[in-house]
C-alpha atoms as a PDB file:
ATOM      1  CA  MET A   1      -0.044   0.013  -0.022  1.00  0.00           C
ATOM      2  CA  SER A   2       1.355   3.428  -0.958  1.00  0.00           C
ATOM      3  CA  THR A   3       2.054   6.119   1.645  1.00  0.00           C
ATOM      4  CA  ALA A   4      -0.901   8.211   0.229  1.00  0.00           C
ATOM      5  CA  ASP A   5      -3.215   5.159   0.619  1.00  0.00           C
ATOM      6  CA  ARG A   6      -2.004   4.406   4.165  1.00  0.00           C
ATOM      7  CA  LEU A   7      -2.679   8.096   5.076  1.00  0.00           C
ATOM      8  CA  ILE A   8      -6.232   7.928   3.458  1.00  0.00           C
ATOM      9  CA  GLU A   9      -7.012   4.642   5.277  1.00  0.00           C
ATOM     10  CA  SER A  10      -5.722   5.863   8.696  1.00  0.00           C
ATOM     11  CA  THR A  11      -7.833   8.997   8.230  1.00  0.00           C
ATOM     12  CA  ARG A  12     -10.902   7.013   7.469  1.00  0.00           C
ATOM     13  CA  GLU A  13     -10.449   4.944  10.532  1.00  0.00           C
ATOM     14  CA  LEU A  14      -9.899   7.967  12.729  1.00  0.00           C
ATOM     15  CA  LEU A  15     -12.808   9.922  11.276  1.00  0.00           C
ATOM     16  CA  TRP A  16     -15.051   6.986  12.101  1.00  0.00           C
ATOM     17  CA  GLU A  17     -13.637   6.539  15.596  1.00  0.00           C
ATOM     18  CA  ARG A  18     -13.010  10.198  16.725  1.00  0.00           C
ATOM     19  CA  GLY A  19     -14.667  12.528  14.196  1.00  0.00           C
ATOM     20  CA  TYR A  20     -12.905  15.371  12.358  1.00  0.00           C
ATOM     21  CA  THR A  21     -11.939  17.451  15.377  1.00  0.00           C
ATOM     22  CA  GLY A  22     -10.650  14.468  17.191  1.00  0.00           C
ATOM     23  CA  THR A  23      -8.463  13.435  14.294  1.00  0.00           C
ATOM     24  CA  SER A  24      -5.084  15.287  14.407  1.00  0.00           C
ATOM     25  CA  PRO A  25      -2.530  15.159  11.692  1.00  0.00           C
ATOM     26  CA  LYS A  26      -0.074  13.675  14.254  1.00  0.00           C
ATOM     27  CA  ALA A  27      -2.571  10.829  14.925  1.00  0.00           C
ATOM     28  CA  ILE A  28      -2.996  10.169  11.231  1.00  0.00           C
ATOM     29  CA  GLN A  29       0.708  10.137  10.665  1.00  0.00           C
ATOM     30  CA  GLN A  30       1.341   7.757  13.547  1.00  0.00           C
ATOM     31  CA  ARG A  31      -1.402   5.363  12.471  1.00  0.00           C
ATOM     32  CA  ALA A  32      -0.181   5.454   8.859  1.00  0.00           C
ATOM     33  CA  GLY A  33       3.412   5.156   9.887  1.00  0.00           C
ATOM     34  CA  ALA A  34       4.205   8.204   7.830  1.00  0.00           C
ATOM     35  CA  GLY A  35       6.094  11.333   8.534  1.00  0.00           C
ATOM     36  CA  GLN A  36       4.875  14.912   8.312  1.00  0.00           C
ATOM     37  CA  GLY A  37       6.864  15.458   5.213  1.00  0.00           C
ATOM     38  CA  SER A  38       5.083  12.487   3.453  1.00  0.00           C
ATOM     39  CA  MET A  39       1.638  13.698   4.492  1.00  0.00           C
ATOM     40  CA  TYR A  40       2.219  17.195   3.120  1.00  0.00           C
ATOM     41  CA  HIS A  41       3.889  15.782  -0.039  1.00  0.00           C
ATOM     42  CA  HIS A  42       0.575  14.014  -0.910  1.00  0.00           C
ATOM     43  CA  PHE A  43      -1.983  16.364   0.642  1.00  0.00           C
ATOM     44  CA  THR A  44      -2.161  20.133   1.230  1.00  0.00           C
ATOM     45  CA  GLY A  45      -3.368  19.546   4.846  1.00  0.00           C
ATOM     46  CA  LYS A  46      -5.829  17.851   7.092  1.00  0.00           C
ATOM     47  CA  PRO A  47      -8.913  19.133   5.089  1.00  0.00           C
ATOM     48  CA  ASP A  48      -7.552  17.756   1.846  1.00  0.00           C
ATOM     49  CA  LEU A  49      -6.782  14.483   3.371  1.00  0.00           C
ATOM     50  CA  ALA A  50     -10.121  14.308   5.204  1.00  0.00           C
ATOM     51  CA  LEU A  51     -11.882  14.975   1.873  1.00  0.00           C
ATOM     52  CA  ALA A  52      -9.974  12.055   0.160  1.00  0.00           C
ATOM     53  CA  ALA A  53     -10.870   9.842   3.171  1.00  0.00           C
ATOM     54  CA  ILE A  54     -14.582  10.826   3.078  1.00  0.00           C
ATOM     55  CA  ARG A  55     -14.789  10.293  -0.673  1.00  0.00           C
ATOM     56  CA  ARG A  56     -13.230   6.871  -0.468  1.00  0.00           C
ATOM     57  CA  THR A  57     -15.585   5.823   2.408  1.00  0.00           C
ATOM     58  CA  ALA A  58     -18.541   7.158   0.362  1.00  0.00           C
ATOM     59  CA  GLU A  59     -17.466   5.236  -2.759  1.00  0.00           C
ATOM     60  CA  GLU A  60     -16.999   2.055  -0.697  1.00  0.00           C
ATOM     61  CA  MET A  61     -20.430   2.374   0.962  1.00  0.00           C
ATOM     62  CA  ARG A  62     -22.168   2.901  -2.490  1.00  0.00           C
ATOM     63  CA  ALA A  63     -20.354  -0.043  -3.965  1.00  0.00           C
ATOM     64  CA  LYS A  64     -21.392  -2.373  -1.175  1.00  0.00           C
ATOM     65  CA  ALA A  65     -24.997  -1.084  -1.288  1.00  0.00           C
ATOM     66  CA  GLU A  66     -25.075  -1.495  -5.145  1.00  0.00           C
ATOM     67  CA  GLU A  67     -24.150  -5.171  -4.721  1.00  0.00           C
ATOM     68  CA  GLN A  68     -27.466  -5.793  -3.082  1.00  0.00           C
ATOM     69  CA  PHE A  69     -29.525  -3.413  -5.089  1.00  0.00           C
ATOM     70  CA  SER A  70     -28.423  -4.879  -8.461  1.00  0.00           C
ATOM     71  CA  ALA A  71     -28.618  -8.521  -7.339  1.00  0.00           C
ATOM     72  CA  PRO A  72     -31.265 -10.841  -8.547  1.00  0.00           C
ATOM     73  CA  GLY A  73     -34.547 -11.090  -6.565  1.00  0.00           C
ATOM     74  CA  THR A  74     -37.563  -8.916  -5.847  1.00  0.00           C
ATOM     75  CA  ALA A  75     -37.358  -5.400  -4.694  1.00  0.00           C
ATOM     76  CA  VAL A  76     -38.092  -6.306  -1.183  1.00  0.00           C
ATOM     77  CA  GLU A  77     -35.551  -9.177  -1.216  1.00  0.00           C
ATOM     78  CA  ARG A  78     -32.814  -6.867  -2.380  1.00  0.00           C
ATOM     79  CA  ILE A  79     -33.626  -4.190   0.189  1.00  0.00           C
ATOM     80  CA  THR A  80     -33.794  -6.781   2.856  1.00  0.00           C
ATOM     81  CA  ALA A  81     -30.361  -8.077   1.877  1.00  0.00           C
ATOM     82  CA  TYR A  82     -29.042  -4.563   2.007  1.00  0.00           C
ATOM     83  CA  LEU A  83     -30.571  -3.836   5.451  1.00  0.00           C
ATOM     84  CA  HIS A  84     -29.390  -7.218   6.868  1.00  0.00           C
ATOM     85  CA  ARG A  85     -25.860  -7.059   5.419  1.00  0.00           C
ATOM     86  CA  GLU A  86     -23.028  -7.309   7.905  1.00  0.00           C
ATOM     87  CA  ARG A  87     -22.273  -3.965   9.602  1.00  0.00           C
ATOM     88  CA  ASP A  88     -20.424  -2.760  12.621  1.00  0.00           C
ATOM     89  CA  VAL A  89     -23.672  -1.447  14.085  1.00  0.00           C
ATOM     90  CA  LEU A  90     -22.229  -0.068  17.311  1.00  0.00           C
ATOM     91  CA  LYS A  91     -19.653   2.038  15.448  1.00  0.00           C
ATOM     92  CA  GLY A  92     -22.430   3.604  13.478  1.00  0.00           C
ATOM     93  CA  CYS A  93     -22.549   4.477   9.734  1.00  0.00           C
ATOM     94  CA  PRO A  94     -19.123   5.825   8.669  1.00  0.00           C
ATOM     95  CA  VAL A  95     -20.870   8.377   6.419  1.00  0.00           C
ATOM     96  CA  GLY A  96     -23.945   9.065   8.519  1.00  0.00           C
ATOM     97  CA  ARG A  97     -21.928   9.696  11.608  1.00  0.00           C
ATOM     98  CA  LEU A  98     -20.182  12.688   9.886  1.00  0.00           C
ATOM     99  CA  THR A  99     -23.553  14.501   9.900  1.00  0.00           C
ATOM    100  CA  GLN A 100     -23.073  14.903  13.525  1.00  0.00           C
ATOM    101  CA  ASP A 101     -19.649  16.415  13.176  1.00  0.00           C
ATOM    102  CA  PRO A 102     -19.989  20.156  13.178  1.00  0.00           C
ATOM    103  CA  ASP A 103     -16.625  20.776  11.468  1.00  0.00           C
ATOM    104  CA  VAL A 104     -17.554  18.521   8.455  1.00  0.00           C
ATOM    105  CA  MET A 105     -21.097  20.102   8.220  1.00  0.00           C
ATOM    106  CA  ALA A 106     -19.678  23.601   8.303  1.00  0.00           C
ATOM    107  CA  ASP A 107     -17.212  22.849   5.391  1.00  0.00           C
ATOM    108  CA  ALA A 108     -19.139  22.665   2.009  1.00  0.00           C
ATOM    109  CA  LEU A 109     -16.328  20.601   0.520  1.00  0.00           C
ATOM    110  CA  LEU A 110     -16.278  18.050   3.314  1.00  0.00           C
ATOM    111  CA  ARG A 111     -20.015  17.965   3.528  1.00  0.00           C
ATOM    112  CA  ALA A 112     -20.619  17.379  -0.201  1.00  0.00           C
ATOM    113  CA  PRO A 113     -19.596  13.695  -0.378  1.00  0.00           C
ATOM    114  CA  VAL A 114     -21.747  13.005   2.707  1.00  0.00           C
ATOM    115  CA  ASP A 115     -24.862  14.697   1.200  1.00  0.00           C
ATOM    116  CA  GLU A 116     -24.244  13.124  -2.254  1.00  0.00           C
ATOM    117  CA  THR A 117     -23.987   9.659  -0.765  1.00  0.00           C
ATOM    118  CA  LEU A 118     -27.144   9.829   1.318  1.00  0.00           C
ATOM    119  CA  ALA A 119     -28.932  11.317  -1.669  1.00  0.00           C
ATOM    120  CA  TRP A 120     -27.609   8.535  -3.856  1.00  0.00           C
ATOM    121  CA  LEU A 121     -28.813   6.003  -1.394  1.00  0.00           C
ATOM    122  CA  ARG A 122     -32.387   7.534  -1.233  1.00  0.00           C
ATOM    123  CA  THR A 123     -32.424   7.718  -5.027  1.00  0.00           C
ATOM    124  CA  ARG A 124     -31.157   4.241  -5.473  1.00  0.00           C
ATOM    125  CA  LEU A 125     -33.614   2.770  -2.999  1.00  0.00           C
ATOM    126  CA  ALA A 126     -36.484   4.672  -4.765  1.00  0.00           C
ATOM    127  CA  GLU A 127     -35.406   3.182  -8.065  1.00  0.00           C
ATOM    128  CA  VAL A 128     -35.436  -0.279  -6.641  1.00  0.00           C
ATOM    129  CA  LEU A 129     -38.834   0.315  -5.124  1.00  0.00           C
ATOM    130  CA  ALA A 130     -40.220   1.773  -8.306  1.00  0.00           C
ATOM    131  CA  GLU A 131     -39.017  -1.177 -10.253  1.00  0.00           C
ATOM    132  CA  GLY A 132     -40.802  -3.508  -7.799  1.00  0.00           C
ATOM    133  CA  ARG A 133     -43.937  -1.541  -8.196  1.00  0.00           C
ATOM    134  CA  GLU A 134     -43.639  -1.639 -12.052  1.00  0.00           C
ATOM    135  CA  ARG A 135     -43.135  -5.393 -11.931  1.00  0.00           C
ATOM    136  CA  GLY A 136     -46.279  -5.791  -9.887  1.00  0.00           C
ATOM    137  CA  GLU A 137     -44.312  -6.955  -6.747  1.00  0.00           C
ATOM    138  CA  LEU A 138     -45.383  -3.909  -4.839  1.00  0.00           C
ATOM    139  CA  ASP A 139     -48.769  -2.107  -4.613  1.00  0.00           C
ATOM    140  CA  ALA A 140     -49.264   0.872  -6.757  1.00  0.00           C
ATOM    141  CA  ALA A 141     -50.019   3.026  -3.704  1.00  0.00           C
ATOM    142  CA  LEU A 142     -46.379   2.789  -2.547  1.00  0.00           C
ATOM    143  CA  GLU A 143     -44.510   6.017  -2.993  1.00  0.00           C
ATOM    144  CA  PRO A 144     -40.975   5.134  -3.898  1.00  0.00           C
ATOM    145  CA  ALA A 145     -39.232   8.403  -2.988  1.00  0.00           C
ATOM    146  CA  ALA A 146     -40.990   8.819   0.399  1.00  0.00           C
ATOM    147  CA  THR A 147     -40.568   5.166   1.220  1.00  0.00           C
ATOM    148  CA  ALA A 148     -36.833   5.279   0.324  1.00  0.00           C
ATOM    149  CA  ALA A 149     -36.305   8.352   2.626  1.00  0.00           C
ATOM    150  CA  SER A 150     -38.105   6.477   5.327  1.00  0.00           C
ATOM    151  CA  VAL A 151     -35.856   3.352   4.952  1.00  0.00           C
ATOM    152  CA  VAL A 152     -32.708   5.568   5.079  1.00  0.00           C
ATOM    153  CA  ALA A 153     -34.015   7.477   8.084  1.00  0.00           C
ATOM    154  CA  VAL A 154     -34.780   4.172   9.988  1.00  0.00           C
ATOM    155  CA  LEU A 155     -31.345   2.780   9.025  1.00  0.00           C
ATOM    156  CA  GLN A 156     -29.429   5.882  10.350  1.00  0.00           C
ATOM    157  CA  GLY A 157     -31.783   6.178  13.309  1.00  0.00           C
ATOM    158  CA  GLY A 158     -31.244   2.506  14.093  1.00  0.00           C
ATOM    159  CA  TYR A 159     -27.483   3.185  14.413  1.00  0.00           C
ATOM    160  CA  VAL A 160     -28.216   6.003  16.829  1.00  0.00           C
ATOM    161  CA  LEU A 161     -30.509   3.865  18.932  1.00  0.00           C
ATOM    162  CA  ALA A 162     -28.016   1.097  19.038  1.00  0.00           C
ATOM    163  CA  ARG A 163     -25.065   3.302  20.012  1.00  0.00           C
ATOM    164  CA  ALA A 164     -27.170   4.938  22.766  1.00  0.00           C
ATOM    165  CA  ALA A 165     -28.209   1.503  24.164  1.00  0.00           C
ATOM    166  CA  ASP A 166     -24.684   0.004  23.592  1.00  0.00           C
ATOM    167  CA  SER A 167     -26.673  -2.970  21.953  1.00  0.00           C
ATOM    168  CA  VAL A 168     -27.431  -3.997  18.430  1.00  0.00           C
ATOM    169  CA  GLN A 169     -31.056  -4.933  19.510  1.00  0.00           C
ATOM    170  CA  PRO A 170     -32.531  -1.450  18.843  1.00  0.00           C
ATOM    171  CA  PHE A 171     -31.005  -1.443  15.391  1.00  0.00           C
ATOM    172  CA  GLU A 172     -32.371  -4.888  14.573  1.00  0.00           C
ATOM    173  CA  GLN A 173     -35.803  -3.890  15.888  1.00  0.00           C
ATOM    174  CA  ALA A 174     -35.778  -0.740  13.631  1.00  0.00           C
ATOM    175  CA  ILE A 175     -34.794  -2.826  10.638  1.00  0.00           C
ATOM    176  CA  SER A 176     -37.502  -5.454  11.360  1.00  0.00           C
ATOM    177  CA  GLY A 177     -40.034  -2.688  11.792  1.00  0.00           C
ATOM    178  CA  VAL A 178     -39.368  -0.959   8.520  1.00  0.00           C
ATOM    179  CA  LEU A 179     -39.339  -4.230   6.641  1.00  0.00           C
ATOM    180  CA  GLY A 180     -42.667  -5.042   8.290  1.00  0.00           C
ATOM    181  CA  LEU A 181     -44.094  -1.764   7.075  1.00  0.00           C
ATOM    182  CA  LEU A 182     -42.656  -2.368   3.609  1.00  0.00           C
ATOM    183  CA  GLY A 183     -44.177  -5.844   3.648  1.00  0.00           C
ATOM    184  CA  ALA A 184     -47.662  -4.309   3.895  1.00  0.00           C
ATOM    185  CA  TYR A 185     -47.120  -3.035   0.202  1.00  0.00           C
ATOM    186  CA  VAL A 186     -46.161  -6.514  -1.165  1.00  0.00           C
ATOM    187  CA  SER A 187     -48.789  -7.466  -3.703  1.00  0.00           C
ATOM    188  CA  PRO A 188     -50.994 -10.330  -2.589  1.00  0.00           C
ATOM    189  CA  ALA A 189     -49.858 -12.505  -5.429  1.00  0.00           C
ATOM    190  CA  ARG A 190     -46.223 -12.069  -4.232  1.00  0.00           C
ATOM    191  CA  ALA A 191     -46.823 -12.452  -0.555  1.00  0.00           C
END
């Protein structure tokens, strides 16, 4: 792994663990096993490195989600696979957690990949739901965009509940609940 990649990966880990303010250039360098000169050779500073790390995290999150969204199966099966995929629930969403970081939200450049990723997730879920509706798997009354926004909100809220309780149980309950609500829209012929 190149020095630049080690710096990006270390920053990704630290942002997830400590947030932007808690992630110092020195901590990044120590974790990456890189010196200050190496860091500033590849990046103009902490904001530039954080942006590269956030973008990589966002790309990885989208790629993992797309695996489930583009897999064979009904819309509900694909969404279920996405919601039940392996996650480190108690650490929270590596992108969603950044919305709670005031320094990230105050910086338009750092905020952009966070917003873009969550918008992509809502859009992609809405596409899967619309496809399910068009194929007759889901009732015509289902509103794909509103339902997709609800799924993302429950997912992100599930992380918050789990972290507050120090237990994955609230997350699992939230996912079961939203899937139960979504199940009400499964066409009788498909149920």
